N, C-alpha and C. Protein backbone atom coordinates (compact mmCIF):
# COMPACT_ATOMS: atom_id res chain seq x y z
N ALA A 1 -6.31 212.33 279.18
CA ALA A 1 -7.16 213.42 278.64
C ALA A 1 -6.98 214.11 277.59
N VAL A 2 -6.13 213.69 276.56
CA VAL A 2 -5.82 214.40 275.30
C VAL A 2 -6.86 213.90 274.44
N GLY A 3 -7.39 212.16 274.69
CA GLY A 3 -8.53 211.06 274.69
C GLY A 3 -10.07 212.40 274.44
N ASN A 4 -10.10 213.00 275.74
CA ASN A 4 -11.23 213.68 275.82
C ASN A 4 -11.24 214.93 275.46
N TRP A 5 -9.58 215.53 275.40
CA TRP A 5 -9.67 216.87 274.78
C TRP A 5 -10.08 216.99 273.28
N PHE A 6 -9.51 215.51 272.59
CA PHE A 6 -9.38 215.88 270.97
C PHE A 6 -11.04 215.46 270.71
N ARG A 7 -12.05 214.77 271.37
CA ARG A 7 -13.34 214.07 271.34
C ARG A 7 -14.13 216.00 271.71
N ASP A 8 -14.12 216.45 272.63
CA ASP A 8 -13.99 217.27 272.68
C ASP A 8 -14.10 218.76 271.60
N ILE A 9 -12.90 218.42 270.91
CA ILE A 9 -12.97 219.12 269.82
C ILE A 9 -13.48 218.51 268.60
N CYS A 10 -13.30 217.40 268.39
CA CYS A 10 -14.78 216.71 267.54
C CYS A 10 -15.85 216.93 267.62
N MET A 11 -16.01 217.33 269.45
CA MET A 11 -17.40 217.50 269.01
C MET A 11 -18.09 218.97 269.26
N TRP A 12 -16.91 219.92 269.13
CA TRP A 12 -17.66 221.18 268.75
C TRP A 12 -18.07 222.10 269.75
N LYS A 13 -17.73 221.24 271.21
CA LYS A 13 -17.95 221.84 272.69
C LYS A 13 -17.47 223.12 272.84
N ASN A 14 -16.47 223.82 271.88
CA ASN A 14 -15.95 225.32 272.32
C ASN A 14 -15.10 225.64 270.80
N PRO A 15 -16.28 225.94 270.04
CA PRO A 15 -16.27 226.28 268.51
C PRO A 15 -15.02 227.33 268.21
N VAL A 16 -14.53 227.91 269.19
CA VAL A 16 -13.19 228.51 269.03
C VAL A 16 -12.00 228.21 268.84
N THR A 17 -11.76 226.93 269.91
CA THR A 17 -10.91 226.27 269.91
C THR A 17 -11.06 225.17 269.01
N THR A 18 -12.31 224.53 268.57
CA THR A 18 -11.99 223.74 267.18
C THR A 18 -11.58 224.16 266.00
N ILE A 19 -12.25 225.82 265.87
CA ILE A 19 -11.43 226.28 264.42
C ILE A 19 -10.15 226.83 264.67
N LEU A 20 -9.47 226.65 265.60
CA LEU A 20 -7.88 227.07 265.68
C LEU A 20 -7.48 225.69 265.54
N VAL A 21 -7.58 224.61 266.09
CA VAL A 21 -7.46 223.38 266.12
C VAL A 21 -6.73 222.89 264.33
N HIS A 22 -8.33 223.25 263.69
CA HIS A 22 -8.53 223.22 262.42
C HIS A 22 -7.69 223.74 261.38
N ILE A 23 -7.38 225.07 261.91
CA ILE A 23 -5.88 225.94 261.40
C ILE A 23 -4.86 225.60 261.80
N LEU A 24 -4.71 224.97 262.77
CA LEU A 24 -3.35 224.70 263.27
C LEU A 24 -3.19 223.11 262.17
N TYR A 25 -3.86 222.61 261.96
CA TYR A 25 -4.06 221.19 261.39
C TYR A 25 -3.49 221.71 259.96
N LEU A 26 -4.33 222.64 259.09
CA LEU A 26 -3.99 222.83 257.66
C LEU A 26 -2.88 223.36 257.90
N ILE A 27 -1.88 223.97 258.84
CA ILE A 27 -0.97 224.63 258.55
C ILE A 27 0.47 223.52 259.03
N LEU A 28 0.30 222.53 259.76
CA LEU A 28 1.19 221.79 259.82
C LEU A 28 0.96 220.50 258.81
N ILE A 29 -0.25 220.76 258.04
CA ILE A 29 0.15 219.47 257.26
C ILE A 29 0.76 220.61 255.89
N TRP A 30 0.76 221.78 255.53
CA TRP A 30 0.91 222.41 254.48
C TRP A 30 3.17 222.63 255.09
N TYR A 31 3.40 222.49 255.79
CA TYR A 31 4.17 223.05 256.07
C TYR A 31 4.51 221.18 257.04
N PRO A 32 4.78 220.62 256.72
CA PRO A 32 5.67 219.23 257.83
C PRO A 32 6.82 219.51 258.76
N GLU A 33 7.26 220.23 258.42
CA GLU A 33 8.80 220.60 259.31
C GLU A 33 8.69 221.79 260.32
N LEU A 34 7.41 221.55 260.76
CA LEU A 34 7.44 222.56 261.86
C LEU A 34 6.08 221.19 262.68
N ILE A 35 5.83 220.48 262.43
CA ILE A 35 5.32 220.03 263.22
C ILE A 35 5.83 219.01 264.89
N LEU A 36 7.31 218.60 264.45
CA LEU A 36 7.76 218.79 265.97
C LEU A 36 8.27 219.31 266.40
N PRO A 37 8.31 221.23 266.37
CA PRO A 37 9.00 222.57 266.96
C PRO A 37 7.59 222.34 267.37
N THR A 38 6.63 222.49 266.83
CA THR A 38 5.07 222.76 267.42
C THR A 38 4.54 221.99 268.70
N ILE A 39 4.46 220.17 268.07
CA ILE A 39 5.00 219.55 269.64
C ILE A 39 5.46 220.12 270.95
N PHE A 40 6.62 220.65 270.86
CA PHE A 40 7.74 220.38 271.86
C PHE A 40 7.48 221.94 272.05
N LEU A 41 6.60 223.32 271.59
CA LEU A 41 6.26 224.01 271.87
C LEU A 41 5.01 224.21 272.86
N TYR A 42 3.62 223.08 272.18
CA TYR A 42 2.36 222.64 272.82
C TYR A 42 3.12 221.97 274.15
N MET A 43 4.32 221.36 274.44
CA MET A 43 4.41 220.47 275.65
C MET A 43 5.17 221.65 276.46
N PHE A 44 6.02 222.84 276.32
CA PHE A 44 6.32 223.99 276.88
C PHE A 44 5.15 224.65 277.63
N LEU A 45 4.23 224.92 276.68
CA LEU A 45 3.60 225.82 277.19
C LEU A 45 2.49 225.14 277.72
N ILE A 46 1.50 223.88 277.84
CA ILE A 46 0.94 222.98 278.78
C ILE A 46 2.04 222.93 280.35
N GLY A 47 3.38 222.51 279.96
CA GLY A 47 4.06 222.96 281.36
C GLY A 47 4.09 223.66 281.88
N ILE A 48 4.83 225.23 280.82
CA ILE A 48 4.13 226.41 282.11
C ILE A 48 2.84 226.44 282.51
N TRP A 49 1.58 225.82 281.39
CA TRP A 49 0.46 226.51 281.77
C TRP A 49 -0.67 225.79 283.64
N GLN A 50 0.59 224.45 283.41
CA GLN A 50 0.26 223.42 284.69
C GLN A 50 1.26 224.13 285.73
N PHE A 51 1.78 225.05 285.72
CA PHE A 51 2.48 225.28 286.42
C PHE A 51 2.01 226.18 287.74
N ARG A 52 0.90 226.14 287.53
CA ARG A 52 0.02 226.82 288.66
C ARG A 52 -0.97 225.86 289.75
N PHE A 53 -1.07 224.78 288.59
CA PHE A 53 -1.39 223.66 289.57
C PHE A 53 -0.62 222.82 290.42
N ARG A 54 0.64 222.77 290.11
CA ARG A 54 1.53 222.75 291.03
C ARG A 54 1.64 221.75 292.42
N PRO A 55 1.36 220.55 292.72
CA PRO A 55 1.49 220.28 293.82
C PRO A 55 2.26 221.43 295.54
N ARG A 56 1.80 220.96 296.29
CA ARG A 56 2.68 221.75 297.24
C ARG A 56 3.15 220.86 297.84
N HIS A 57 3.02 219.98 297.79
CA HIS A 57 3.74 218.60 299.03
C HIS A 57 4.04 217.92 297.94
N PRO A 58 5.21 217.31 298.62
CA PRO A 58 5.90 215.76 297.53
C PRO A 58 4.67 215.18 297.51
N PRO A 59 4.19 214.28 295.77
CA PRO A 59 2.95 213.64 296.11
C PRO A 59 3.42 212.19 295.63
N HIS A 60 4.35 211.88 296.48
CA HIS A 60 4.41 210.51 296.82
C HIS A 60 4.33 210.23 298.40
N MET A 61 4.14 211.17 299.36
CA MET A 61 3.57 211.49 300.67
C MET A 61 1.71 211.29 300.78
N ASP A 62 1.00 211.28 299.30
CA ASP A 62 -0.70 212.40 299.21
C ASP A 62 -1.09 210.72 299.32
N THR A 63 -1.83 210.27 300.00
CA THR A 63 -2.71 209.20 300.03
C THR A 63 -3.77 209.33 299.10
N ARG A 64 -4.14 209.86 298.58
CA ARG A 64 -5.03 210.14 297.73
C ARG A 64 -5.23 210.21 296.57
N VAL A 65 -3.29 210.75 296.37
CA VAL A 65 -2.87 210.29 294.17
C VAL A 65 -3.15 208.68 294.64
N SER A 66 -2.19 208.07 295.61
CA SER A 66 -2.62 206.10 295.25
C SER A 66 -3.98 205.74 295.82
N HIS A 67 -4.30 206.46 296.67
CA HIS A 67 -5.80 206.01 296.30
C HIS A 67 -5.61 205.45 297.51
N ALA A 68 -4.55 205.43 298.64
CA ALA A 68 -4.59 204.12 299.75
C ALA A 68 -5.18 204.46 300.80
N ASP A 69 -5.69 205.52 300.70
CA ASP A 69 -7.47 206.15 301.61
C ASP A 69 -8.47 205.56 301.57
N ALA A 70 -8.52 204.92 299.98
CA ALA A 70 -9.63 204.37 299.31
C ALA A 70 -9.74 202.91 299.63
N VAL A 71 -8.76 201.83 299.96
CA VAL A 71 -8.57 201.05 299.59
C VAL A 71 -9.64 199.76 301.05
N HIS A 72 -9.66 198.75 300.68
CA HIS A 72 -11.08 197.92 301.43
C HIS A 72 -9.79 197.48 302.24
N PRO A 73 -10.33 197.29 303.60
CA PRO A 73 -9.35 196.97 304.39
C PRO A 73 -8.83 195.14 304.36
N ASP A 74 -9.65 194.64 303.68
CA ASP A 74 -9.51 193.48 303.30
C ASP A 74 -8.45 193.16 302.59
N GLU A 75 -8.81 193.83 301.59
CA GLU A 75 -6.92 193.68 300.72
C GLU A 75 -5.78 194.37 301.43
N LEU A 76 -6.12 194.94 302.20
CA LEU A 76 -4.74 195.30 303.45
C LEU A 76 -4.51 194.22 303.56
N ASP A 77 -5.28 193.90 304.58
CA ASP A 77 -5.35 192.45 305.30
C ASP A 77 -4.56 191.23 304.19
N GLU A 78 -4.36 191.14 302.97
CA GLU A 78 -4.33 189.92 302.70
C GLU A 78 -2.91 190.84 302.43
N GLU A 79 -2.31 191.68 302.23
CA GLU A 79 -0.70 192.04 301.55
C GLU A 79 -0.50 192.07 302.88
N PHE A 80 -0.73 192.12 303.55
CA PHE A 80 0.64 192.08 305.09
C PHE A 80 -0.17 190.94 306.00
N ASP A 81 -0.65 189.65 304.88
CA ASP A 81 -0.16 188.59 305.78
C ASP A 81 0.53 187.29 305.52
N THR A 82 1.15 186.85 306.18
CA THR A 82 2.64 185.90 305.86
C THR A 82 2.03 185.46 305.39
N PHE A 83 3.53 184.43 305.14
CA PHE A 83 3.24 183.30 303.93
C PHE A 83 4.48 182.24 304.78
N PRO A 84 3.63 180.82 305.24
CA PRO A 84 2.89 180.14 304.14
C PRO A 84 1.16 181.43 305.62
N THR A 85 0.00 181.58 304.91
CA THR A 85 -0.96 182.24 305.56
C THR A 85 -0.95 181.93 306.72
N SER A 86 -1.72 182.83 307.80
CA SER A 86 -1.95 182.09 308.99
C SER A 86 -4.02 182.58 308.82
N LYS A 87 -4.32 182.86 308.26
CA LYS A 87 -5.42 183.04 307.54
C LYS A 87 -6.70 181.71 307.50
N SER A 88 -7.92 181.50 307.92
CA SER A 88 -8.56 180.45 307.69
C SER A 88 -8.81 180.28 306.58
N SER A 89 -8.98 179.15 306.20
CA SER A 89 -9.31 178.52 304.43
C SER A 89 -10.71 179.33 303.43
N ASP A 90 -11.68 180.00 304.48
CA ASP A 90 -12.41 180.52 304.00
C ASP A 90 -12.28 182.09 303.07
N VAL A 91 -11.09 182.92 303.88
CA VAL A 91 -10.90 184.00 303.88
C VAL A 91 -9.88 183.49 302.85
N VAL A 92 -9.06 182.32 302.90
CA VAL A 92 -8.52 181.96 301.18
C VAL A 92 -9.07 182.03 300.50
N ARG A 93 -10.36 181.11 300.63
CA ARG A 93 -11.16 180.74 299.32
C ARG A 93 -11.47 182.28 299.17
N MET A 94 -11.63 183.23 299.79
CA MET A 94 -12.74 184.54 299.23
C MET A 94 -11.69 185.20 298.47
N ARG A 95 -10.18 184.89 298.51
CA ARG A 95 -9.17 185.75 298.34
C ARG A 95 -8.78 185.29 296.55
N TYR A 96 -8.99 184.23 296.36
CA TYR A 96 -8.80 182.75 295.35
C TYR A 96 -10.41 183.41 294.60
N ASP A 97 -11.35 183.30 294.87
CA ASP A 97 -12.64 183.71 294.19
C ASP A 97 -12.78 185.39 293.33
N ARG A 98 -11.77 185.83 294.34
CA ARG A 98 -11.65 187.38 294.10
C ARG A 98 -10.97 187.62 292.51
N LEU A 99 -9.57 186.50 293.07
CA LEU A 99 -9.06 186.61 291.68
C LEU A 99 -8.98 186.22 291.02
N ARG A 100 -10.28 184.81 290.84
CA ARG A 100 -10.44 184.39 289.91
C ARG A 100 -11.68 185.50 289.10
N SER A 101 -12.23 186.37 290.09
CA SER A 101 -12.75 186.87 289.02
C SER A 101 -12.25 187.88 288.07
N VAL A 102 -11.44 188.74 288.53
CA VAL A 102 -10.27 189.58 288.30
C VAL A 102 -10.04 188.43 286.59
N ALA A 103 -9.12 187.73 286.62
CA ALA A 103 -8.12 187.07 286.07
C ALA A 103 -9.59 187.04 284.75
N GLY A 104 -10.72 186.25 285.09
CA GLY A 104 -11.95 186.10 283.79
C GLY A 104 -12.40 187.50 283.21
N ARG A 105 -12.43 188.10 283.67
CA ARG A 105 -12.40 189.80 283.09
C ARG A 105 -10.95 189.63 282.58
N LEU A 106 -10.05 189.81 282.90
CA LEU A 106 -8.28 190.16 282.14
C LEU A 106 -9.13 188.95 280.70
N GLN A 107 -9.10 187.41 280.63
CA GLN A 107 -9.43 186.86 280.10
C GLN A 107 -10.57 186.96 279.04
N THR A 108 -11.34 187.69 279.19
CA THR A 108 -12.63 188.35 278.48
C THR A 108 -11.72 189.42 277.20
N VAL A 109 -11.28 190.15 278.38
CA VAL A 109 -10.53 191.00 277.31
C VAL A 109 -9.65 190.42 276.19
N VAL A 110 -8.77 189.87 276.69
CA VAL A 110 -7.31 189.23 275.78
C VAL A 110 -8.15 188.28 274.90
N GLY A 111 -9.41 188.04 275.13
CA GLY A 111 -10.54 187.32 273.60
C GLY A 111 -11.10 188.08 272.38
N ASP A 112 -11.48 189.67 273.64
CA ASP A 112 -11.99 190.10 272.98
C ASP A 112 -10.81 190.69 271.76
N ILE A 113 -10.12 191.35 272.29
CA ILE A 113 -8.39 191.82 271.68
C ILE A 113 -8.30 190.51 270.70
N ALA A 114 -8.32 189.22 270.80
CA ALA A 114 -8.07 187.77 270.09
C ALA A 114 -9.20 187.65 268.36
N THR A 115 -10.10 188.12 268.82
CA THR A 115 -11.42 188.15 268.05
C THR A 115 -10.95 189.44 266.47
N GLN A 116 -10.68 191.01 267.63
CA GLN A 116 -10.22 191.72 266.64
C GLN A 116 -9.38 191.22 265.96
N VAL A 117 -8.22 190.87 266.17
CA VAL A 117 -7.19 189.78 265.40
C VAL A 117 -7.77 189.45 264.14
N GLU A 118 -8.26 187.95 264.87
CA GLU A 118 -8.41 187.35 263.66
C GLU A 118 -9.47 187.65 262.68
N ARG A 119 -10.35 188.83 262.80
CA ARG A 119 -10.78 189.36 261.50
C ARG A 119 -9.74 190.15 260.79
N PHE A 120 -9.37 191.24 261.52
CA PHE A 120 -7.89 191.40 260.81
C PHE A 120 -7.56 190.38 259.44
N GLN A 121 -7.30 189.39 260.45
CA GLN A 121 -6.28 188.18 259.51
C GLN A 121 -7.16 187.95 258.50
N ALA A 122 -8.63 187.33 258.63
CA ALA A 122 -9.79 187.21 257.79
C ALA A 122 -9.40 188.28 256.34
N LEU A 123 -9.39 189.19 256.37
CA LEU A 123 -9.53 190.01 255.37
C LEU A 123 -8.86 189.12 254.25
N LEU A 124 -7.60 189.34 254.87
CA LEU A 124 -6.69 188.24 253.68
C LEU A 124 -6.60 186.80 252.96
N SER A 125 -7.10 186.18 254.47
CA SER A 125 -7.70 184.12 254.74
C SER A 125 -8.15 184.14 253.33
N TRP A 126 -9.30 184.93 252.49
CA TRP A 126 -10.46 184.88 252.16
C TRP A 126 -11.55 183.57 252.48
N ARG A 127 -11.92 183.41 254.02
CA ARG A 127 -12.71 182.21 254.91
C ARG A 127 -13.92 183.17 254.17
N ASP A 128 -13.71 184.63 254.09
CA ASP A 128 -15.43 184.95 253.48
C ASP A 128 -14.79 185.68 252.45
N PRO A 129 -15.30 184.99 251.19
CA PRO A 129 -14.05 185.19 249.66
C PRO A 129 -15.00 186.49 249.62
N ARG A 130 -16.29 187.30 249.91
CA ARG A 130 -16.68 188.00 249.33
C ARG A 130 -16.64 189.51 249.98
N ALA A 131 -15.91 189.40 251.00
CA ALA A 131 -15.30 190.70 252.27
C ALA A 131 -13.36 190.38 251.58
N THR A 132 -13.58 189.65 251.52
CA THR A 132 -11.66 189.52 250.79
C THR A 132 -11.45 190.06 249.61
N ALA A 133 -12.65 189.67 248.83
CA ALA A 133 -12.77 190.70 247.04
C ALA A 133 -12.92 191.84 247.38
N ILE A 134 -13.95 192.64 248.14
CA ILE A 134 -13.77 193.56 248.67
C ILE A 134 -13.15 194.55 248.99
N PHE A 135 -12.39 193.92 250.06
CA PHE A 135 -11.40 194.68 250.61
C PHE A 135 -9.96 194.61 250.09
N VAL A 136 -9.75 193.68 248.92
CA VAL A 136 -8.62 193.35 247.85
C VAL A 136 -8.97 194.83 246.63
N LEU A 137 -9.99 194.59 246.17
CA LEU A 137 -10.56 195.90 245.33
C LEU A 137 -9.67 197.15 246.05
N PHE A 138 -10.47 197.16 247.15
CA PHE A 138 -10.08 198.72 248.26
C PHE A 138 -9.07 198.97 248.22
N CYS A 139 -8.29 198.23 248.31
CA CYS A 139 -6.32 198.15 248.70
C CYS A 139 -5.56 198.61 246.91
N LEU A 140 -6.85 198.05 246.44
CA LEU A 140 -6.05 198.72 244.63
C LEU A 140 -6.51 199.99 244.45
N PHE A 141 -8.20 200.28 244.99
CA PHE A 141 -7.62 201.35 244.87
C PHE A 141 -7.38 202.43 245.57
N ALA A 142 -7.37 202.13 246.39
CA ALA A 142 -6.17 203.32 247.60
C ALA A 142 -4.93 203.36 246.97
N ALA A 143 -4.25 202.31 247.04
CA ALA A 143 -3.09 202.25 246.17
C ALA A 143 -3.21 203.68 245.32
N ILE A 144 -3.95 203.27 244.34
CA ILE A 144 -3.64 204.42 242.85
C ILE A 144 -4.12 205.47 243.69
N VAL A 145 -5.36 205.74 244.34
CA VAL A 145 -5.42 207.25 244.65
C VAL A 145 -4.04 207.71 245.30
N LEU A 146 -3.56 207.20 246.18
CA LEU A 146 -2.17 207.21 246.99
C LEU A 146 -1.05 207.67 246.28
N TYR A 147 -0.89 206.60 245.04
CA TYR A 147 0.55 207.09 244.17
C TYR A 147 -0.55 208.31 243.58
N VAL A 148 -1.18 208.71 242.86
CA VAL A 148 -1.69 209.83 241.86
C VAL A 148 -1.69 211.83 243.10
N THR A 149 -2.27 211.33 243.82
CA THR A 149 -2.59 212.01 244.88
C THR A 149 -1.22 212.47 246.19
N PRO A 150 -1.18 213.65 245.98
CA PRO A 150 0.30 214.41 246.77
C PRO A 150 -0.47 213.77 248.51
N PHE A 151 0.40 213.21 249.35
CA PHE A 151 0.18 212.61 250.46
C PHE A 151 -0.83 214.37 251.03
N GLN A 152 -0.23 215.98 251.23
CA GLN A 152 -0.83 216.61 251.38
C GLN A 152 -2.63 216.74 251.62
N VAL A 153 -2.80 216.60 250.34
CA VAL A 153 -4.19 216.68 250.35
C VAL A 153 -5.08 215.16 250.97
N ILE A 154 -4.24 214.09 250.76
CA ILE A 154 -5.75 213.46 251.82
C ILE A 154 -5.15 213.27 253.42
N ALA A 155 -3.90 213.51 253.91
CA ALA A 155 -4.19 214.40 255.47
C ALA A 155 -5.23 215.36 255.59
N VAL A 156 -4.64 216.50 254.65
CA VAL A 156 -6.29 217.45 254.85
C VAL A 156 -7.36 217.02 254.82
N LEU A 157 -7.68 215.98 254.19
CA LEU A 157 -9.31 215.79 253.70
C LEU A 157 -9.47 214.32 254.97
N PHE A 158 -8.81 213.59 254.97
CA PHE A 158 -8.60 212.84 256.42
C PHE A 158 -9.28 213.29 257.62
N GLY A 159 -8.25 214.68 257.92
CA GLY A 159 -8.35 215.97 259.45
C GLY A 159 -9.52 216.43 258.94
N ILE A 160 -10.02 216.64 258.06
CA ILE A 160 -11.62 217.68 257.56
C ILE A 160 -12.38 216.49 258.06
N TYR A 161 -12.24 215.46 257.46
CA TYR A 161 -12.78 214.54 257.84
C TYR A 161 -13.40 214.44 259.35
N VAL A 162 -12.00 213.89 259.98
CA VAL A 162 -12.57 213.58 261.49
C VAL A 162 -12.75 214.73 262.61
N LEU A 163 -12.58 215.66 262.14
CA LEU A 163 -13.39 217.24 262.45
C LEU A 163 -14.22 217.94 262.12
N ARG A 164 -14.77 216.76 261.89
CA ARG A 164 -16.05 217.56 260.92
C ARG A 164 -17.11 218.08 262.44
N HIS A 165 -17.84 219.11 262.31
CA HIS A 165 -19.13 219.42 262.64
C HIS A 165 -19.87 218.00 263.35
N PRO A 166 -20.66 218.13 264.53
CA PRO A 166 -21.35 217.40 264.74
C PRO A 166 -22.58 217.36 264.02
N ARG A 167 -23.17 218.16 263.54
CA ARG A 167 -24.46 218.27 262.44
C ARG A 167 -24.23 216.85 261.49
N PHE A 168 -22.85 216.76 261.07
CA PHE A 168 -22.87 215.49 259.54
C PHE A 168 -21.85 214.48 260.39
N ARG A 169 -22.52 213.71 261.60
CA ARG A 169 -22.25 212.88 262.11
C ARG A 169 -23.18 211.91 262.63
N HIS A 170 -23.11 210.85 262.41
CA HIS A 170 -24.24 209.82 262.48
C HIS A 170 -23.95 209.14 263.66
N ARG A 171 -25.04 208.62 264.36
CA ARG A 171 -25.00 207.23 265.27
C ARG A 171 -24.50 206.12 264.76
N LEU A 172 -24.99 205.60 263.70
CA LEU A 172 -25.02 204.32 263.14
C LEU A 172 -23.04 204.50 262.52
N PRO A 173 -22.72 203.41 263.25
CA PRO A 173 -20.85 202.54 262.89
C PRO A 173 -20.78 203.27 261.68
N SER A 174 -19.82 203.28 261.52
CA SER A 174 -19.25 203.46 260.10
C SER A 174 -19.70 202.51 259.18
N VAL A 175 -18.98 202.69 257.47
CA VAL A 175 -18.97 201.16 256.45
C VAL A 175 -17.82 200.78 256.83
N PRO A 176 -16.81 201.48 257.24
CA PRO A 176 -15.99 200.47 257.03
C PRO A 176 -15.48 199.75 258.41
N LEU A 177 -16.49 200.16 259.99
CA LEU A 177 -16.25 199.46 261.00
C LEU A 177 -17.18 198.52 261.36
N ASN A 178 -18.74 198.84 260.60
CA ASN A 178 -19.71 197.78 260.11
C ASN A 178 -18.82 196.38 259.06
N PHE A 179 -18.59 196.78 257.95
CA PHE A 179 -17.83 195.57 257.46
C PHE A 179 -16.97 194.67 258.00
N PHE A 180 -16.28 195.59 259.15
CA PHE A 180 -14.86 194.68 259.62
C PHE A 180 -15.83 194.40 260.89
N ARG A 181 -16.97 194.59 261.40
CA ARG A 181 -17.47 193.63 262.52
C ARG A 181 -17.96 192.52 262.41
N ARG A 182 -18.62 192.42 260.98
CA ARG A 182 -18.60 191.19 260.64
C ARG A 182 -18.10 189.84 259.82
N LEU A 183 -17.13 190.37 260.05
CA LEU A 183 -16.31 189.59 259.46
C LEU A 183 -15.82 188.56 259.96
N PRO A 184 -15.73 187.16 259.20
CA PRO A 184 -15.42 185.75 260.89
C PRO A 184 -14.30 186.29 261.77
N ALA A 185 -14.47 185.33 263.23
CA ALA A 185 -13.15 184.61 263.50
C ALA A 185 -13.39 183.28 263.81
N ARG A 186 -12.55 183.11 265.03
CA ARG A 186 -12.42 181.79 265.14
C ARG A 186 -13.33 180.92 266.16
N SER A 187 -13.94 182.12 266.94
CA SER A 187 -14.59 181.92 267.93
C SER A 187 -16.34 181.96 267.27
N ASP A 188 -16.27 182.12 265.99
CA ASP A 188 -17.72 181.55 265.25
C ASP A 188 -17.71 180.10 264.78
N SER A 189 -16.07 179.40 265.15
CA SER A 189 -16.62 177.76 264.82
C SER A 189 -16.23 177.13 266.04
N MET A 190 -16.43 178.39 267.42
CA MET A 190 -16.60 177.28 268.60
C MET A 190 -17.33 176.64 268.88
N LEU A 191 -17.63 175.79 269.74
CA LEU A 191 -18.71 174.98 270.12
C LEU A 191 -19.04 174.90 271.60
């Protein structure tokens, strides 16, 4: 929900809300001691606002919340099966195939995460000398800028950049993201 709300703010779906978020952001940057009280006040207001939509019956008894009414009968049969199984080998094979499918998707996601971590490690490992040289020079430049510039100015510039109007956005991936995606990973050296 927070991600969708922030995406709507960044895409200026409701300009009044977006401008109010800009103003709140600037106030919090200039007065950082207000960050925690503002977060707690905002959570309090959300809680009060959501009071109108509270469930009128206990949520643990609602089958729609747990999606128990949408479960496939085969999954229920698997859940209440005895140990050792009392089902035929075809049914057990189908269950294992389903489990293998889920495990394959999980393995793909873990592989994608590992590839991103390998790319991040390649930034300083000199596997790609040109990319590492660019990154090292960027780090030197960023360190100098961060030492000279007050944090509040950096935070204001970053926030205004993230919250910019969609007219000033591009459909192409950003330069840092494009740079990161082109870094070598160990998956490139697999046969």
